[in-house]
Amino acid sequence: MIKKTEKKSQIRMFFSLKDTLDQNHPLYILEGKINWQQFEEAFIGLYCPNNGRPALPIRLMVGLLIIKHLRNISDESVVEQYSENAYYQYLGGQSEFVAKEPCEASELVHFRNRIGEAGVELILKESIRINGDDRFDPDVSIDTTVQWHSHHYVKKEHYLSYR
């Protein structure tokens, strides 16, 4: 079930993340480049509108997957680090800092299963759109290293970069 968005009209005691973070930070810049609406539109049909437990926001889940691949970390690590990093939270759609984990790491597995291969490809396409002109930048290095992983080779994937 899709969680209903909360209308926040009350004046906050604390400043918003947008107002307090360094606007030159790579993750701050990346947040402004991503077309978040396309993920909402593509994935909203995968949720029941009025039945079941309210789902976590699509923006949060996509943001966690992007950070996971940017930092090359596990599901557990990205969830843990999210609670400690204001830039991660800003990329994930938070307006204020929240010092708690956004979800269980297993929620990322469920989300990847829900969006399927087509959803992961949509995230990759957005990466290509954002970084399309970087292929001509002489300072860009592309890593095609093959890593040993669980008795088979896994090719590193390059998702979203930031600059």
C-alpha atoms as a PDB file:
ATOM      1  CA  MET A   1       0.000   0.000   0.000  1.00  0.00           C
ATOM      2  CA  ILE A   2       1.264   3.489  -0.789  1.00  0.00           C
ATOM      3  CA  LYS A   3       1.678   5.664   2.276  1.00  0.00           C
ATOM      4  CA  LYS A   4      -0.210   8.939   2.115  1.00  0.00           C
ATOM      5  CA  THR A   5       2.052  11.977   2.080  1.00  0.00           C
ATOM      6  CA  GLU A   6       1.948  14.135   5.155  1.00  0.00           C
ATOM      7  CA  LYS A   7       1.302  17.828   4.772  1.00  0.00           C
ATOM      8  CA  LYS A   8       3.781  19.741   6.890  1.00  0.00           C
ATOM      9  CA  SER A   9       2.570  23.265   7.452  1.00  0.00           C
ATOM     10  CA  GLN A  10       3.928  23.721  10.941  1.00  0.00           C
ATOM     11  CA  ILE A  11       7.014  25.914  11.320  1.00  0.00           C
ATOM     12  CA  ARG A  12       9.929  23.704  12.295  1.00  0.00           C
ATOM     13  CA  MET A  13      12.198  24.421  15.224  1.00  0.00           C
ATOM     14  CA  PHE A  14      15.217  23.158  13.263  1.00  0.00           C
ATOM     15  CA  PHE A  15      16.542  24.151   9.867  1.00  0.00           C
ATOM     16  CA  SER A  16      15.866  21.936   6.899  1.00  0.00           C
ATOM     17  CA  LEU A  17      18.620  19.824   5.368  1.00  0.00           C
ATOM     18  CA  LYS A  18      18.341  21.799   2.138  1.00  0.00           C
ATOM     19  CA  ASP A  19      19.156  25.022   3.975  1.00  0.00           C
ATOM     20  CA  THR A  20      22.002  23.680   6.105  1.00  0.00           C
ATOM     21  CA  LEU A  21      23.976  21.333   3.835  1.00  0.00           C
ATOM     22  CA  ASP A  22      26.872  22.370   1.619  1.00  0.00           C
ATOM     23  CA  GLN A  23      25.393  22.937  -1.840  1.00  0.00           C
ATOM     24  CA  ASN A  24      28.737  22.006  -3.439  1.00  0.00           C
ATOM     25  CA  HIS A  25      28.739  18.522  -1.912  1.00  0.00           C
ATOM     26  CA  PRO A  26      28.543  15.836  -4.642  1.00  0.00           C
ATOM     27  CA  LEU A  27      25.460  14.140  -3.160  1.00  0.00           C
ATOM     28  CA  TYR A  28      23.668  17.479  -2.815  1.00  0.00           C
ATOM     29  CA  ILE A  29      24.353  18.188  -6.492  1.00  0.00           C
ATOM     30  CA  LEU A  30      23.327  14.663  -7.524  1.00  0.00           C
ATOM     31  CA  GLU A  31      19.968  15.035  -5.759  1.00  0.00           C
ATOM     32  CA  GLY A  32      19.134  17.968  -8.011  1.00  0.00           C
ATOM     33  CA  LYS A  33      20.071  16.132 -11.210  1.00  0.00           C
ATOM     34  CA  ILE A  34      17.952  13.024 -10.702  1.00  0.00           C
ATOM     35  CA  ASN A  35      14.449  12.934 -12.177  1.00  0.00           C
ATOM     36  CA  TRP A  36      12.744  11.457  -9.106  1.00  0.00           C
ATOM     37  CA  GLN A  37       9.250  11.735 -10.581  1.00  0.00           C
ATOM     38  CA  GLN A  38       9.966   9.079 -13.191  1.00  0.00           C
ATOM     39  CA  PHE A  39      10.589   6.515 -10.444  1.00  0.00           C
ATOM     40  CA  GLU A  40       7.348   7.430  -8.695  1.00  0.00           C
ATOM     41  CA  GLU A  41       5.416   7.062 -11.955  1.00  0.00           C
ATOM     42  CA  ALA A  42       7.131   3.815 -12.942  1.00  0.00           C
ATOM     43  CA  PHE A  43       6.807   2.067  -9.564  1.00  0.00           C
ATOM     44  CA  ILE A  44       3.491   3.367  -8.190  1.00  0.00           C
ATOM     45  CA  GLY A  45       1.573   0.645 -10.059  1.00  0.00           C
ATOM     46  CA  LEU A  46       3.494  -2.025  -8.145  1.00  0.00           C
ATOM     47  CA  TYR A  47       1.723  -1.039  -4.917  1.00  0.00           C
ATOM     48  CA  CYS A  48      -1.862  -1.539  -3.797  1.00  0.00           C
ATOM     49  CA  PRO A  49      -3.375   1.925  -3.186  1.00  0.00           C
ATOM     50  CA  ASN A  50      -5.614   0.987  -0.251  1.00  0.00           C
ATOM     51  CA  ASN A  51      -4.668  -2.356   1.255  1.00  0.00           C
ATOM     52  CA  GLY A  52      -1.819  -3.697   3.346  1.00  0.00           C
ATOM     53  CA  ARG A  53       0.978  -2.154   5.350  1.00  0.00           C
ATOM     54  CA  PRO A  54       2.022   1.309   4.117  1.00  0.00           C
ATOM     55  CA  ALA A  55       5.146   1.070   1.994  1.00  0.00           C
ATOM     56  CA  LEU A  56       8.282   3.065   2.484  1.00  0.00           C
ATOM     57  CA  PRO A  57       8.569   6.012   0.089  1.00  0.00           C
ATOM     58  CA  ILE A  58       9.782   5.086  -3.395  1.00  0.00           C
ATOM     59  CA  ARG A  59      12.197   8.027  -3.314  1.00  0.00           C
ATOM     60  CA  LEU A  60      13.801   6.666  -0.131  1.00  0.00           C
ATOM     61  CA  MET A  61      14.222   3.173  -1.550  1.00  0.00           C
ATOM     62  CA  VAL A  62      15.675   4.394  -4.859  1.00  0.00           C
ATOM     63  CA  GLY A  63      17.969   6.751  -2.954  1.00  0.00           C
ATOM     64  CA  LEU A  64      19.232   3.899  -0.780  1.00  0.00           C
ATOM     65  CA  LEU A  65      19.955   1.769  -3.864  1.00  0.00           C
ATOM     66  CA  ILE A  66      21.824   4.637  -5.511  1.00  0.00           C
ATOM     67  CA  ILE A  67      23.950   5.240  -2.403  1.00  0.00           C
ATOM     68  CA  LYS A  68      24.597   1.511  -2.046  1.00  0.00           C
ATOM     69  CA  HIS A  69      26.030   1.340  -5.550  1.00  0.00           C
ATOM     70  CA  LEU A  70      27.878   4.658  -5.313  1.00  0.00           C
ATOM     71  CA  ARG A  71      29.699   3.569  -2.176  1.00  0.00           C
ATOM     72  CA  ASN A  72      29.899  -0.136  -3.105  1.00  0.00           C
ATOM     73  CA  ILE A  73      28.527  -1.197   0.277  1.00  0.00           C
ATOM     74  CA  SER A  74      26.097  -3.818   1.529  1.00  0.00           C
ATOM     75  CA  ASP A  75      22.389  -3.364   2.208  1.00  0.00           C
ATOM     76  CA  GLU A  76      23.130  -3.467   5.943  1.00  0.00           C
ATOM     77  CA  SER A  77      25.822  -0.800   5.677  1.00  0.00           C
ATOM     78  CA  VAL A  78      23.765   1.623   3.601  1.00  0.00           C
ATOM     79  CA  VAL A  79      20.861   1.422   6.056  1.00  0.00           C
ATOM     80  CA  GLU A  80      23.183   1.937   9.038  1.00  0.00           C
ATOM     81  CA  GLN A  81      25.108   4.811   7.430  1.00  0.00           C
ATOM     82  CA  TYR A  82      21.886   6.518   6.326  1.00  0.00           C
ATOM     83  CA  SER A  83      20.998   7.171   9.961  1.00  0.00           C
ATOM     84  CA  GLU A  84      24.356   8.936  10.461  1.00  0.00           C
ATOM     85  CA  ASN A  85      24.738  10.907   7.238  1.00  0.00           C
ATOM     86  CA  ALA A  86      22.695  14.028   6.471  1.00  0.00           C
ATOM     87  CA  TYR A  87      23.685  13.962   2.766  1.00  0.00           C
ATOM     88  CA  TYR A  88      22.385  10.403   2.415  1.00  0.00           C
ATOM     89  CA  GLN A  89      19.133  11.497   4.006  1.00  0.00           C
ATOM     90  CA  TYR A  90      18.857  14.522   1.714  1.00  0.00           C
ATOM     91  CA  LEU A  91      19.370  12.306  -1.342  1.00  0.00           C
ATOM     92  CA  GLY A  92      16.720   9.944   0.057  1.00  0.00           C
ATOM     93  CA  GLY A  93      14.139  12.723   0.283  1.00  0.00           C
ATOM     94  CA  GLN A  94      14.316  13.684   3.959  1.00  0.00           C
ATOM     95  CA  SER A  95      13.766  17.342   4.742  1.00  0.00           C
ATOM     96  CA  GLU A  96      15.113  17.090   8.304  1.00  0.00           C
ATOM     97  CA  PHE A  97      17.789  14.937   9.907  1.00  0.00           C
ATOM     98  CA  VAL A  98      16.452  11.768  11.529  1.00  0.00           C
ATOM     99  CA  ALA A  99      18.837   9.792  13.739  1.00  0.00           C
ATOM    100  CA  LYS A 100      17.342   6.353  13.106  1.00  0.00           C
ATOM    101  CA  GLU A 101      17.590   3.711  10.445  1.00  0.00           C
ATOM    102  CA  PRO A 102      14.993   4.207   7.702  1.00  0.00           C
ATOM    103  CA  CYS A 103      14.176   0.513   7.362  1.00  0.00           C
ATOM    104  CA  GLU A 104      15.498  -2.990   7.782  1.00  0.00           C
ATOM    105  CA  ALA A 105      18.144  -4.050   5.262  1.00  0.00           C
ATOM    106  CA  SER A 106      15.791  -6.791   4.042  1.00  0.00           C
ATOM    107  CA  GLU A 107      13.429  -4.061   2.758  1.00  0.00           C
ATOM    108  CA  LEU A 108      15.980  -3.312   0.011  1.00  0.00           C
ATOM    109  CA  VAL A 109      15.816  -6.942  -1.103  1.00  0.00           C
ATOM    110  CA  HIS A 110      12.017  -6.780  -1.186  1.00  0.00           C
ATOM    111  CA  PHE A 111      12.128  -3.502  -3.122  1.00  0.00           C
ATOM    112  CA  ARG A 112      14.576  -4.888  -5.709  1.00  0.00           C
ATOM    113  CA  ASN A 113      12.332  -7.920  -6.146  1.00  0.00           C
ATOM    114  CA  ARG A 114       9.294  -5.663  -6.496  1.00  0.00           C
ATOM    115  CA  ILE A 115      10.781  -3.387  -9.180  1.00  0.00           C
ATOM    116  CA  GLY A 116      12.468  -6.295 -10.950  1.00  0.00           C
ATOM    117  CA  GLU A 117      15.031  -6.108 -13.693  1.00  0.00           C
ATOM    118  CA  ALA A 118      13.094  -3.387 -15.507  1.00  0.00           C
ATOM    119  CA  GLY A 119      13.195  -1.149 -12.431  1.00  0.00           C
ATOM    120  CA  VAL A 120      16.922  -1.614 -11.958  1.00  0.00           C
ATOM    121  CA  GLU A 121      17.398  -0.816 -15.657  1.00  0.00           C
ATOM    122  CA  LEU A 122      15.394   2.391 -15.174  1.00  0.00           C
ATOM    123  CA  ILE A 123      17.822   3.463 -12.439  1.00  0.00           C
ATOM    124  CA  LEU A 124      20.744   2.617 -14.747  1.00  0.00           C
ATOM    125  CA  LYS A 125      19.164   4.620 -17.606  1.00  0.00           C
ATOM    126  CA  GLU A 126      18.892   7.626 -15.316  1.00  0.00           C
ATOM    127  CA  SER A 127      22.573   7.206 -14.502  1.00  0.00           C
ATOM    128  CA  ILE A 128      23.417   7.241 -18.186  1.00  0.00           C
ATOM    129  CA  ARG A 129      21.269  10.330 -18.712  1.00  0.00           C
ATOM    130  CA  ILE A 130      23.002  12.182 -15.868  1.00  0.00           C
ATOM    131  CA  ASN A 131      26.501  11.066 -16.787  1.00  0.00           C
ATOM    132  CA  GLY A 132      26.132  10.919 -20.562  1.00  0.00           C
ATOM    133  CA  ASP A 133      28.471  13.833 -21.285  1.00  0.00           C
ATOM    134  CA  ASP A 134      31.077  12.596 -18.793  1.00  0.00           C
ATOM    135  CA  ARG A 135      32.303   9.952 -21.216  1.00  0.00           C
ATOM    136  CA  PHE A 136      34.211  12.716 -23.031  1.00  0.00           C
ATOM    137  CA  ASP A 137      35.709  14.147 -19.830  1.00  0.00           C
ATOM    138  CA  PRO A 138      39.456  13.346 -19.651  1.00  0.00           C
ATOM    139  CA  ASP A 139      39.246  13.198 -15.836  1.00  0.00           C
ATOM    140  CA  VAL A 140      36.688  10.369 -15.828  1.00  0.00           C
ATOM    141  CA  SER A 141      37.989   6.866 -15.232  1.00  0.00           C
ATOM    142  CA  ILE A 142      35.841   3.823 -15.906  1.00  0.00           C
ATOM    143  CA  ASP A 143      36.536   0.760 -13.794  1.00  0.00           C
ATOM    144  CA  THR A 144      35.796  -2.559 -15.496  1.00  0.00           C
ATOM    145  CA  THR A 145      37.504  -4.675 -12.848  1.00  0.00           C
ATOM    146  CA  VAL A 146      36.206  -8.165 -12.280  1.00  0.00           C
ATOM    147  CA  GLN A 147      35.936  -9.041  -8.593  1.00  0.00           C
ATOM    148  CA  TRP A 148      36.003 -12.506  -7.061  1.00  0.00           C
ATOM    149  CA  HIS A 149      32.743 -13.064  -5.200  1.00  0.00           C
ATOM    150  CA  SER A 150      31.253 -16.279  -3.781  1.00  0.00           C
ATOM    151  CA  HIS A 151      33.081 -18.636  -6.145  1.00  0.00           C
ATOM    152  CA  HIS A 152      32.196 -16.783  -9.309  1.00  0.00           C
ATOM    153  CA  TYR A 153      33.194 -13.574 -10.977  1.00  0.00           C
ATOM    154  CA  VAL A 154      30.969 -10.529 -10.726  1.00  0.00           C
ATOM    155  CA  LYS A 155      31.576  -7.496 -12.900  1.00  0.00           C
ATOM    156  CA  LYS A 156      31.444  -4.180 -11.029  1.00  0.00           C
ATOM    157  CA  GLU A 157      28.526  -2.022 -12.124  1.00  0.00           C
ATOM    158  CA  HIS A 158      28.749   1.727 -12.438  1.00  0.00           C
ATOM    159  CA  TYR A 159      25.436   3.295 -11.463  1.00  0.00           C
ATOM    160  CA  LEU A 160      25.220   6.967 -10.612  1.00  0.00           C
ATOM    161  CA  SER A 161      28.276   9.091 -10.139  1.00  0.00           C
ATOM    162  CA  TYR A 162      28.301  12.590  -8.841  1.00  0.00           C
ATOM    163  CA  ARG A 163      30.373  15.675  -9.467  1.00  0.00           C
END
